[in-house]
Amino acid sequence: ESGGGLVQPGGSLRLSCAASGTIFSMNVMGWYRQAPGKERELVASI
């Protein structure tokens, strides 16, 4: 993953995730997030 960082409220960021190696059928690609003290949750999937 890349693209994270510090941003002010109201700002924008673009995250990227590049896969290397052989993957058979990337059926679903997605992003999850985990804040301190919280469970990991789905952000988006495609």
All heavy atoms as atom14 arrays in JSON, in Angstrom:
{
  "sequence": "ESGGGLVQPGGSLRLSCAASGTIFSMNVMGWYRQAPGKERELVASI",
  "atom14_mask": [
    [1, 1, 1, 1, 1, 1, 1, 1, 1, 0, 0, 0, 0, 0],
    [1, 1, 1, 1, 1, 1, 0, 0, 0, 0, 0, 0, 0, 0],
    [1, 1, 1, 1, 0, 0, 0, 0, 0, 0, 0, 0, 0, 0],
    [1, 1, 1, 1, 0, 0, 0, 0, 0, 0, 0, 0, 0, 0],
    [1, 1, 1, 1, 0, 0, 0, 0, 0, 0, 0, 0, 0, 0],
    [1, 1, 1, 1, 1, 1, 1, 1, 0, 0, 0, 0, 0, 0],
    [1, 1, 1, 1, 1, 1, 1, 0, 0, 0, 0, 0, 0, 0],
    [1, 1, 1, 1, 1, 1, 1, 1, 1, 0, 0, 0, 0, 0],
    [1, 1, 1, 1, 1, 1, 1, 0, 0, 0, 0, 0, 0, 0],
    [1, 1, 1, 1, 0, 0, 0, 0, 0, 0, 0, 0, 0, 0],
    [1, 1, 1, 1, 0, 0, 0, 0, 0, 0, 0, 0, 0, 0],
    [1, 1, 1, 1, 1, 1, 0, 0, 0, 0, 0, 0, 0, 0],
    [1, 1, 1, 1, 1, 1, 1, 1, 0, 0, 0, 0, 0, 0],
    [1, 1, 1, 1, 1, 1, 1, 1, 1, 1, 1, 0, 0, 0],
    [1, 1, 1, 1, 1, 1, 1, 1, 0, 0, 0, 0, 0, 0],
    [1, 1, 1, 1, 1, 1, 0, 0, 0, 0, 0, 0, 0, 0],
    [1, 1, 1, 1, 1, 1, 0, 0, 0, 0, 0, 0, 0, 0],
    [1, 1, 1, 1, 1, 0, 0, 0, 0, 0, 0, 0, 0, 0],
    [1, 1, 1, 1, 1, 0, 0, 0, 0, 0, 0, 0, 0, 0],
    [1, 1, 1, 1, 1, 1, 0, 0, 0, 0, 0, 0, 0, 0],
    [1, 1, 1, 1, 0, 0, 0, 0, 0, 0, 0, 0, 0, 0],
    [1, 1, 1, 1, 1, 1, 1, 0, 0, 0, 0, 0, 0, 0],
    [1, 1, 1, 1, 1, 1, 1, 1, 0, 0, 0, 0, 0, 0],
    [1, 1, 1, 1, 1, 1, 1, 1, 1, 1, 1, 0, 0, 0],
    [1, 1, 1, 1, 1, 1, 0, 0, 0, 0, 0, 0, 0, 0],
    [1, 1, 1, 1, 1, 1, 1, 1, 0, 0, 0, 0, 0, 0],
    [1, 1, 1, 1, 1, 1, 1, 1, 0, 0, 0, 0, 0, 0],
    [1, 1, 1, 1, 1, 1, 1, 0, 0, 0, 0, 0, 0, 0],
    [1, 1, 1, 1, 1, 1, 1, 1, 0, 0, 0, 0, 0, 0],
    [1, 1, 1, 1, 0, 0, 0, 0, 0, 0, 0, 0, 0, 0],
    [1, 1, 1, 1, 1, 1, 1, 1, 1, 1, 1, 1, 1, 1],
    [1, 1, 1, 1, 1, 1, 1, 1, 1, 1, 1, 1, 0, 0],
    [1, 1, 1, 1, 1, 1, 1, 1, 1, 1, 1, 0, 0, 0],
    [1, 1, 1, 1, 1, 1, 1, 1, 1, 0, 0, 0, 0, 0],
    [1, 1, 1, 1, 1, 0, 0, 0, 0, 0, 0, 0, 0, 0],
    [1, 1, 1, 1, 1, 1, 1, 0, 0, 0, 0, 0, 0, 0],
    [1, 1, 1, 1, 0, 0, 0, 0, 0, 0, 0, 0, 0, 0],
    [1, 1, 1, 1, 1, 1, 1, 1, 1, 0, 0, 0, 0, 0],
    [1, 1, 1, 1, 1, 1, 1, 1, 1, 0, 0, 0, 0, 0],
    [1, 1, 1, 1, 1, 1, 1, 1, 1, 1, 1, 0, 0, 0],
    [1, 1, 1, 1, 1, 1, 1, 1, 1, 0, 0, 0, 0, 0],
    [1, 1, 1, 1, 1, 1, 1, 1, 0, 0, 0, 0, 0, 0],
    [1, 1, 1, 1, 1, 1, 1, 0, 0, 0, 0, 0, 0, 0],
    [1, 1, 1, 1, 1, 0, 0, 0, 0, 0, 0, 0, 0, 0],
    [1, 1, 1, 1, 1, 1, 0, 0, 0, 0, 0, 0, 0, 0],
    [1, 1, 1, 1, 1, 1, 1, 1, 0, 0, 0, 0, 0, 0]
  ],
  "atom14_positions": [
    [[0.84, -1.2, 0.0], [0.0, 0.0, 0.0], [0.87, 1.25, 0.0], [1.99, 1.24, 0.52], [-0.89, 0.04, 1.24], [-1.86, -1.11, 1.38], [-1.43, -2.12, 2.41], [-0.21, -2.22, 2.66], [-2.29, -2.8, 2.99], [0.0, 0.0, 0.0], [0.0, 0.0, 0.0], [0.0, 0.0, 0.0], [0.0, 0.0, 0.0], [0.0, 0.0, 0.0]],
    [[0.33, 2.3, -0.56], [1.0, 3.6, -0.54], [-0.05, 4.7, -0.59], [-1.22, 4.44, -0.92], [1.97, 3.74, -1.73], [1.28, 3.64, -2.95], [0.0, 0.0, 0.0], [0.0, 0.0, 0.0], [0.0, 0.0, 0.0], [0.0, 0.0, 0.0], [0.0, 0.0, 0.0], [0.0, 0.0, 0.0], [0.0, 0.0, 0.0], [0.0, 0.0, 0.0]],
    [[0.38, 5.91, -0.26], [-0.52, 7.05, -0.37], [-1.05, 7.58, 0.95], [-1.73, 8.6, 0.98], [0.0, 0.0, 0.0], [0.0, 0.0, 0.0], [0.0, 0.0, 0.0], [0.0, 0.0, 0.0], [0.0, 0.0, 0.0], [0.0, 0.0, 0.0], [0.0, 0.0, 0.0], [0.0, 0.0, 0.0], [0.0, 0.0, 0.0], [0.0, 0.0, 0.0]],
    [[-0.77, 6.87, 2.04], [-1.23, 7.35, 3.33], [-0.42, 8.56, 3.78], [0.58, 8.94, 3.17], [0.0, 0.0, 0.0], [0.0, 0.0, 0.0], [0.0, 0.0, 0.0], [0.0, 0.0, 0.0], [0.0, 0.0, 0.0], [0.0, 0.0, 0.0], [0.0, 0.0, 0.0], [0.0, 0.0, 0.0], [0.0, 0.0, 0.0], [0.0, 0.0, 0.0]],
    [[-0.88, 9.16, 4.88], [-0.16, 10.32, 5.41], [-1.06, 11.18, 6.26], [-2.16, 10.77, 6.64], [0.0, 0.0, 0.0], [0.0, 0.0, 0.0], [0.0, 0.0, 0.0], [0.0, 0.0, 0.0], [0.0, 0.0, 0.0], [0.0, 0.0, 0.0], [0.0, 0.0, 0.0], [0.0, 0.0, 0.0], [0.0, 0.0, 0.0], [0.0, 0.0, 0.0]],
    [[-0.58, 12.37, 6.52], [-1.3, 13.35, 7.33], [-2.04, 14.32, 6.41], [-1.44, 14.87, 5.47], [-0.33, 14.1, 8.22], [-0.9, 15.27, 9.04], [-1.92, 14.76, 10.05], [0.24, 16.02, 9.74], [0.0, 0.0, 0.0], [0.0, 0.0, 0.0], [0.0, 0.0, 0.0], [0.0, 0.0, 0.0], [0.0, 0.0, 0.0], [0.0, 0.0, 0.0]],
    [[-3.31, 14.52, 6.69], [-4.11, 15.43, 5.89], [-5.04, 16.19, 6.82], [-5.46, 15.66, 7.86], [-4.9, 14.66, 4.8], [-5.88, 13.69, 5.42], [-5.58, 15.6, 3.84], [0.0, 0.0, 0.0], [0.0, 0.0, 0.0], [0.0, 0.0, 0.0], [0.0, 0.0, 0.0], [0.0, 0.0, 0.0], [0.0, 0.0, 0.0], [0.0, 0.0, 0.0]],
    [[-5.37, 17.4, 6.45], [-6.29, 18.2, 7.26], [-7.74, 17.77, 7.0], [-8.06, 17.24, 5.93], [-6.12, 19.68, 6.92], [-4.79, 20.25, 7.35], [-4.73, 21.76, 7.13], [-5.51, 22.34, 6.38], [-3.78, 22.4, 7.81], [0.0, 0.0, 0.0], [0.0, 0.0, 0.0], [0.0, 0.0, 0.0], [0.0, 0.0, 0.0], [0.0, 0.0, 0.0]],
    [[-8.61, 18.01, 7.97], [-10.03, 17.7, 7.75], [-10.54, 18.4, 6.49], [-10.21, 19.56, 6.24], [-10.69, 18.26, 9.01], [-9.62, 18.17, 10.05], [-8.34, 18.48, 9.34], [0.0, 0.0, 0.0], [0.0, 0.0, 0.0], [0.0, 0.0, 0.0], [0.0, 0.0, 0.0], [0.0, 0.0, 0.0], [0.0, 0.0, 0.0], [0.0, 0.0, 0.0]],
    [[-11.32, 17.66, 5.71], [-11.82, 18.17, 4.45], [-10.91, 17.89, 3.28], [-11.29, 18.12, 2.13], [0.0, 0.0, 0.0], [0.0, 0.0, 0.0], [0.0, 0.0, 0.0], [0.0, 0.0, 0.0], [0.0, 0.0, 0.0], [0.0, 0.0, 0.0], [0.0, 0.0, 0.0], [0.0, 0.0, 0.0], [0.0, 0.0, 0.0], [0.0, 0.0, 0.0]],
    [[-9.71, 17.4, 3.55], [-8.75, 17.12, 2.49], [-8.98, 15.78, 1.81], [-9.95, 15.07, 2.1], [0.0, 0.0, 0.0], [0.0, 0.0, 0.0], [0.0, 0.0, 0.0], [0.0, 0.0, 0.0], [0.0, 0.0, 0.0], [0.0, 0.0, 0.0], [0.0, 0.0, 0.0], [0.0, 0.0, 0.0], [0.0, 0.0, 0.0], [0.0, 0.0, 0.0]],
    [[-8.06, 15.47, 0.9], [-8.18, 14.25, 0.11], [-6.88, 13.47, 0.12], [-5.79, 14.04, 0.26], [-8.53, 14.59, -1.35], [-9.78, 15.25, -1.43], [0.0, 0.0, 0.0], [0.0, 0.0, 0.0], [0.0, 0.0, 0.0], [0.0, 0.0, 0.0], [0.0, 0.0, 0.0], [0.0, 0.0, 0.0], [0.0, 0.0, 0.0], [0.0, 0.0, 0.0]],
    [[-7.01, 12.18, -0.05], [-5.87, 11.29, -0.24], [-6.27, 10.21, -1.23], [-7.45, 9.84, -1.32], [-5.45, 10.62, 1.07], [-4.66, 11.42, 2.09], [-4.46, 10.59, 3.35], [-3.32, 11.87, 1.54], [0.0, 0.0, 0.0], [0.0, 0.0, 0.0], [0.0, 0.0, 0.0], [0.0, 0.0, 0.0], [0.0, 0.0, 0.0], [0.0, 0.0, 0.0]],
    [[-5.27, 9.69, -1.94], [-5.51, 8.56, -2.83], [-4.58, 7.43, -2.43], [-3.35, 7.57, -2.49], [-5.25, 8.94, -4.28], [-5.67, 7.84, -5.27], [-5.21, 8.16, -6.66], [-5.84, 7.3, -7.66], [-5.23, 6.9, -8.77], [-3.99, 7.28, -9.01], [-5.87, 6.13, -9.64], [0.0, 0.0, 0.0], [0.0, 0.0, 0.0], [0.0, 0.0, 0.0]],
    [[-5.17, 6.34, -2.0], [-4.4, 5.16, -1.63], [-4.27, 4.23, -2.83], [-5.19, 4.11, -3.64], [-5.07, 4.41, -0.49], [-5.38, 5.2, 0.79], [-5.96, 4.26, 1.84], [-4.15, 5.91, 1.31], [0.0, 0.0, 0.0], [0.0, 0.0, 0.0], [0.0, 0.0, 0.0], [0.0, 0.0, 0.0], [0.0, 0.0, 0.0], [0.0, 0.0, 0.0]],
    [[-3.11, 3.6, -2.91], [-2.88, 2.6, -3.95], [-2.39, 1.32, -3.3], [-1.72, 1.35, -2.27], [-1.82, 3.09, -4.95], [-2.22, 4.27, -5.61], [0.0, 0.0, 0.0], [0.0, 0.0, 0.0], [0.0, 0.0, 0.0], [0.0, 0.0, 0.0], [0.0, 0.0, 0.0], [0.0, 0.0, 0.0], [0.0, 0.0, 0.0], [0.0, 0.0, 0.0]],
    [[-2.72, 0.21, -3.92], [-2.24, -1.08, -3.45], [-1.85, -1.9, -4.67], [-2.72, -2.24, -5.49], [-3.29, -1.8, -2.64], [-2.87, -3.51, -2.23], [0.0, 0.0, 0.0], [0.0, 0.0, 0.0], [0.0, 0.0, 0.0], [0.0, 0.0, 0.0], [0.0, 0.0, 0.0], [0.0, 0.0, 0.0], [0.0, 0.0, 0.0], [0.0, 0.0, 0.0]],
    [[-0.58, -2.2, -4.77], [-0.08, -2.98, -5.91], [0.28, -4.38, -5.45], [0.99, -4.55, -4.45], [1.14, -2.29, -6.51], [0.0, 0.0, 0.0], [0.0, 0.0, 0.0], [0.0, 0.0, 0.0], [0.0, 0.0, 0.0], [0.0, 0.0, 0.0], [0.0, 0.0, 0.0], [0.0, 0.0, 0.0], [0.0, 0.0, 0.0], [0.0, 0.0, 0.0]],
    [[-0.19, -5.35, -6.19], [0.1, -6.75, -5.87], [1.22, -7.26, -6.77], [1.28, -6.94, -7.95], [-1.15, -7.6, -6.06], [0.0, 0.0, 0.0], [0.0, 0.0, 0.0], [0.0, 0.0, 0.0], [0.0, 0.0, 0.0], [0.0, 0.0, 0.0], [0.0, 0.0, 0.0], [0.0, 0.0, 0.0], [0.0, 0.0, 0.0], [0.0, 0.0, 0.0]],
    [[2.09, -8.06, -6.18], [3.13, -8.71, -6.97], [3.03, -10.21, -6.74], [2.51, -10.67, -5.73], [4.5, -8.2, -6.55], [4.75, -8.49, -5.19], [0.0, 0.0, 0.0], [0.0, 0.0, 0.0], [0.0, 0.0, 0.0], [0.0, 0.0, 0.0], [0.0, 0.0, 0.0], [0.0, 0.0, 0.0], [0.0, 0.0, 0.0], [0.0, 0.0, 0.0]],
    [[3.54, -10.97, -7.71], [3.43, -12.42, -7.62], [2.22, -12.91, -8.4], [1.43, -12.13, -8.94], [0.0, 0.0, 0.0], [0.0, 0.0, 0.0], [0.0, 0.0, 0.0], [0.0, 0.0, 0.0], [0.0, 0.0, 0.0], [0.0, 0.0, 0.0], [0.0, 0.0, 0.0], [0.0, 0.0, 0.0], [0.0, 0.0, 0.0], [0.0, 0.0, 0.0]],
    [[2.08, -14.18, -8.43], [0.99, -14.8, -9.19], [-0.25, -14.96, -8.32], [-0.19, -15.59, -7.27], [1.43, -16.17, -9.72], [2.58, -16.01, -10.56], [0.31, -16.81, -10.52], [0.0, 0.0, 0.0], [0.0, 0.0, 0.0], [0.0, 0.0, 0.0], [0.0, 0.0, 0.0], [0.0, 0.0, 0.0], [0.0, 0.0, 0.0], [0.0, 0.0, 0.0]],
    [[-1.35, -14.36, -8.76], [-2.62, -14.48, -8.06], [-3.65, -15.03, -9.04], [-3.86, -14.46, -10.1], [-3.11, -13.12, -7.53], [-2.06, -12.51, -6.59], [-4.44, -13.29, -6.79], [-2.43, -11.13, -6.09], [0.0, 0.0, 0.0], [0.0, 0.0, 0.0], [0.0, 0.0, 0.0], [0.0, 0.0, 0.0], [0.0, 0.0, 0.0], [0.0, 0.0, 0.0]],
    [[-4.25, -16.13, -8.67], [-5.24, -16.75, -9.53], [-6.59, -16.13, -9.25], [-7.16, -16.29, -8.18], [-5.27, -18.26, -9.28], [-6.22, -18.98, -10.19], [-5.88, -19.23, -11.5], [-7.45, -19.43, -9.74], [-6.75, -19.89, -12.36], [-8.33, -20.09, -10.57], [-7.97, -20.32, -11.89], [0.0, 0.0, 0.0], [0.0, 0.0, 0.0], [0.0, 0.0, 0.0]],
    [[-7.08, -15.37, -10.22], [-8.42, -14.78, -10.14], [-8.58, -13.85, -8.94], [-8.99, -14.28, -7.85], [-9.5, -15.85, -10.09], [-9.53, -16.58, -11.29], [0.0, 0.0, 0.0], [0.0, 0.0, 0.0], [0.0, 0.0, 0.0], [0.0, 0.0, 0.0], [0.0, 0.0, 0.0], [0.0, 0.0, 0.0], [0.0, 0.0, 0.0], [0.0, 0.0, 0.0]],
    [[-8.27, -12.59, -9.13], [-8.49, -11.58, -8.09], [-9.97, -11.25, -8.07], [-10.39, -10.26, -8.65], [-7.62, -10.35, -8.36], [-6.14, -10.65, -8.37], [-5.14, -9.15, -8.57], [-5.69, -8.6, -10.19], [0.0, 0.0, 0.0], [0.0, 0.0, 0.0], [0.0, 0.0, 0.0], [0.0, 0.0, 0.0], [0.0, 0.0, 0.0], [0.0, 0.0, 0.0]],
    [[-10.74, -12.06, -7.38], [-12.19, -11.93, -7.45], [-12.68, -10.61, -6.86], [-13.47, -9.89, -7.46], [-12.85, -13.1, -6.75], [-12.53, -14.42, -7.44], [-12.45, -14.49, -8.66], [-12.33, -15.46, -6.66], [0.0, 0.0, 0.0], [0.0, 0.0, 0.0], [0.0, 0.0, 0.0], [0.0, 0.0, 0.0], [0.0, 0.0, 0.0], [0.0, 0.0, 0.0]],
    [[-12.22, -10.31, -5.67], [-12.63, -9.08, -5.0], [-11.38, -8.39, -4.46], [-10.55, -9.04, -3.83], [-13.61, -9.35, -3.84], [-14.07, -8.04, -3.22], [-14.81, -10.17, -4.31], [0.0, 0.0, 0.0], [0.0, 0.0, 0.0], [0.0, 0.0, 0.0], [0.0, 0.0, 0.0], [0.0, 0.0, 0.0], [0.0, 0.0, 0.0], [0.0, 0.0, 0.0]],
    [[-11.29, -7.11, -4.71], [-10.22, -6.29, -4.14], [-10.87, -5.26, -3.24], [-11.94, -4.73, -3.56], [-9.41, -5.62, -5.24], [-8.84, -6.61, -6.26], [-7.91, -5.8, -7.59], [-6.34, -5.51, -6.77], [0.0, 0.0, 0.0], [0.0, 0.0, 0.0], [0.0, 0.0, 0.0], [0.0, 0.0, 0.0], [0.0, 0.0, 0.0], [0.0, 0.0, 0.0]],
    [[-10.22, -5.0, -2.12], [-10.87, -4.09, -1.2], [-9.93, -3.4, -0.25], [-8.73, -3.66, -0.23], [0.0, 0.0, 0.0], [0.0, 0.0, 0.0], [0.0, 0.0, 0.0], [0.0, 0.0, 0.0], [0.0, 0.0, 0.0], [0.0, 0.0, 0.0], [0.0, 0.0, 0.0], [0.0, 0.0, 0.0], [0.0, 0.0, 0.0], [0.0, 0.0, 0.0]],
    [[-10.53, -2.49, 0.49], [-9.82, -1.75, 1.54], [-10.57, -1.91, 2.86], [-11.81, -1.78, 2.9], [-9.73, -0.27, 1.18], [-8.82, 0.02, 0.03], [-9.15, 0.12, -1.29], [-7.42, 0.25, 0.11], [-8.04, 0.39, -2.04], [-6.95, 0.47, -1.21], [-6.49, 0.29, 1.15], [-5.61, 0.74, -1.5], [-5.16, 0.55, 0.85], [-4.73, 0.78, -0.46]],
    [[-9.81, -2.17, 3.9], [-10.34, -2.21, 5.25], [-9.55, -1.18, 6.07], [-8.49, -0.73, 5.67], [-10.16, -3.59, 5.86], [-11.07, -4.65, 5.27], [-10.85, -5.14, 3.99], [-12.14, -5.14, 6.0], [-11.68, -6.11, 3.45], [-12.98, -6.12, 5.48], [-12.75, -6.59, 4.2], [-13.58, -7.55, 3.67], [0.0, 0.0, 0.0], [0.0, 0.0, 0.0]],
    [[-10.08, -0.85, 7.22], [-9.36, 0.05, 8.1], [-9.54, -0.38, 9.54], [-10.53, -1.03, 9.9], [-9.81, 1.5, 7.91], [-11.2, 1.81, 8.46], [-11.57, 3.25, 8.14], [-12.81, 3.66, 8.81], [-13.38, 4.84, 8.66], [-12.83, 5.75, 7.84], [-14.5, 5.13, 9.3], [0.0, 0.0, 0.0], [0.0, 0.0, 0.0], [0.0, 0.0, 0.0]],
    [[-8.56, 0.0, 10.35], [-8.63, -0.3, 11.77], [-8.1, 0.89, 12.55], [-6.93, 1.27, 12.4], [-7.83, -1.56, 12.11], [-8.03, -2.01, 13.55], [-7.51, -3.42, 13.77], [-6.72, -3.95, 12.99], [-7.96, -4.04, 14.84], [0.0, 0.0, 0.0], [0.0, 0.0, 0.0], [0.0, 0.0, 0.0], [0.0, 0.0, 0.0], [0.0, 0.0, 0.0]],
    [[-8.96, 1.47, 13.34], [-8.58, 2.58, 14.21], [-8.16, 2.02, 15.57], [-8.56, 0.91, 15.93], [-9.75, 3.55, 14.37], [0.0, 0.0, 0.0], [0.0, 0.0, 0.0], [0.0, 0.0, 0.0], [0.0, 0.0, 0.0], [0.0, 0.0, 0.0], [0.0, 0.0, 0.0], [0.0, 0.0, 0.0], [0.0, 0.0, 0.0], [0.0, 0.0, 0.0]],
    [[-7.36, 2.76, 16.33], [-6.92, 2.28, 17.65], [-8.1, 1.9, 18.54], [-9.06, 2.67, 18.67], [-6.17, 3.48, 18.21], [-5.7, 4.22, 17.02], [-6.78, 4.05, 15.99], [0.0, 0.0, 0.0], [0.0, 0.0, 0.0], [0.0, 0.0, 0.0], [0.0, 0.0, 0.0], [0.0, 0.0, 0.0], [0.0, 0.0, 0.0], [0.0, 0.0, 0.0]],
    [[-8.04, 0.68, 19.08], [-9.08, 0.23, 19.98], [-10.35, -0.23, 19.31], [-11.33, -0.56, 19.99], [0.0, 0.0, 0.0], [0.0, 0.0, 0.0], [0.0, 0.0, 0.0], [0.0, 0.0, 0.0], [0.0, 0.0, 0.0], [0.0, 0.0, 0.0], [0.0, 0.0, 0.0], [0.0, 0.0, 0.0], [0.0, 0.0, 0.0], [0.0, 0.0, 0.0]],
    [[-10.36, -0.26, 17.98], [-11.56, -0.67, 17.26], [-11.26, -1.88, 16.38], [-10.12, -2.19, 16.08], [-12.09, 0.48, 16.42], [-12.59, 1.67, 17.23], [-13.27, 2.69, 16.34], [-13.84, 3.84, 17.17], [-14.53, 4.85, 16.3], [0.0, 0.0, 0.0], [0.0, 0.0, 0.0], [0.0, 0.0, 0.0], [0.0, 0.0, 0.0], [0.0, 0.0, 0.0]],
    [[-12.32, -2.54, 15.96], [-12.18, -3.69, 15.09], [-11.94, -3.23, 13.65], [-12.33, -2.13, 13.26], [-13.44, -4.56, 15.15], [-13.66, -5.22, 16.5], [-14.83, -6.19, 16.47], [-15.56, -6.22, 15.47], [-15.01, -6.91, 17.47], [0.0, 0.0, 0.0], [0.0, 0.0, 0.0], [0.0, 0.0, 0.0], [0.0, 0.0, 0.0], [0.0, 0.0, 0.0]],
    [[-11.33, -4.11, 12.88], [-11.13, -3.82, 11.47], [-12.49, -3.83, 10.77], [-13.34, -4.69, 11.03], [-10.21, -4.87, 10.85], [-9.74, -4.53, 9.46], [-8.67, -5.52, 8.98], [-7.47, -5.45, 9.79], [-6.31, -6.08, 9.47], [-6.25, -6.79, 8.35], [-5.28, -5.97, 10.25], [0.0, 0.0, 0.0], [0.0, 0.0, 0.0], [0.0, 0.0, 0.0]],
    [[-12.68, -2.86, 9.89], [-13.97, -2.75, 9.2], [-13.77, -2.54, 7.71], [-12.75, -1.98, 7.28], [-14.8, -1.59, 9.77], [-14.16, -0.23, 9.64], [-14.99, 0.89, 10.27], [-16.18, 0.66, 10.61], [-14.47, 2.02, 10.4], [0.0, 0.0, 0.0], [0.0, 0.0, 0.0], [0.0, 0.0, 0.0], [0.0, 0.0, 0.0], [0.0, 0.0, 0.0]],
    [[-14.76, -2.94, 6.94], [-14.7, -2.76, 5.5], [-14.89, -1.29, 5.15], [-15.83, -0.65, 5.61], [-15.79, -3.59, 4.83], [-15.95, -3.36, 3.31], [-14.76, -3.93, 2.56], [-17.25, -3.98, 2.82], [0.0, 0.0, 0.0], [0.0, 0.0, 0.0], [0.0, 0.0, 0.0], [0.0, 0.0, 0.0], [0.0, 0.0, 0.0], [0.0, 0.0, 0.0]],
    [[-14.02, -0.79, 4.31], [-14.18, 0.55, 3.76], [-14.86, 0.48, 2.4], [-15.87, 1.13, 2.16], [-12.82, 1.26, 3.62], [-13.01, 2.64, 3.0], [-12.11, 1.36, 4.96], [0.0, 0.0, 0.0], [0.0, 0.0, 0.0], [0.0, 0.0, 0.0], [0.0, 0.0, 0.0], [0.0, 0.0, 0.0], [0.0, 0.0, 0.0], [0.0, 0.0, 0.0]],
    [[-14.29, -0.34, 1.52], [-14.84, -0.47, 0.17], [-14.29, -1.73, -0.48], [-13.19, -2.17, -0.15], [-14.49, 0.74, -0.69], [0.0, 0.0, 0.0], [0.0, 0.0, 0.0], [0.0, 0.0, 0.0], [0.0, 0.0, 0.0], [0.0, 0.0, 0.0], [0.0, 0.0, 0.0], [0.0, 0.0, 0.0], [0.0, 0.0, 0.0], [0.0, 0.0, 0.0]],
    [[-15.07, -2.27, -1.39], [-14.61, -3.42, -2.16], [-15.13, -3.32, -3.59], [-16.12, -2.63, -3.85], [-15.07, -4.74, -1.53], [-16.48, -4.84, -1.55], [0.0, 0.0, 0.0], [0.0, 0.0, 0.0], [0.0, 0.0, 0.0], [0.0, 0.0, 0.0], [0.0, 0.0, 0.0], [0.0, 0.0, 0.0], [0.0, 0.0, 0.0], [0.0, 0.0, 0.0]],
    [[-14.43, -4.02, -4.48], [-14.82, -4.0, -5.89], [-14.57, -5.39, -6.47], [-13.52, -5.98, -6.26], [-14.05, -2.91, -6.67], [-14.51, -2.86, -8.12], [-12.54, -3.08, -6.55], [-14.0, -1.61, -8.87], [0.0, 0.0, 0.0], [0.0, 0.0, 0.0], [0.0, 0.0, 0.0], [0.0, 0.0, 0.0], [0.0, 0.0, 0.0], [0.0, 0.0, 0.0]]
  ]
}
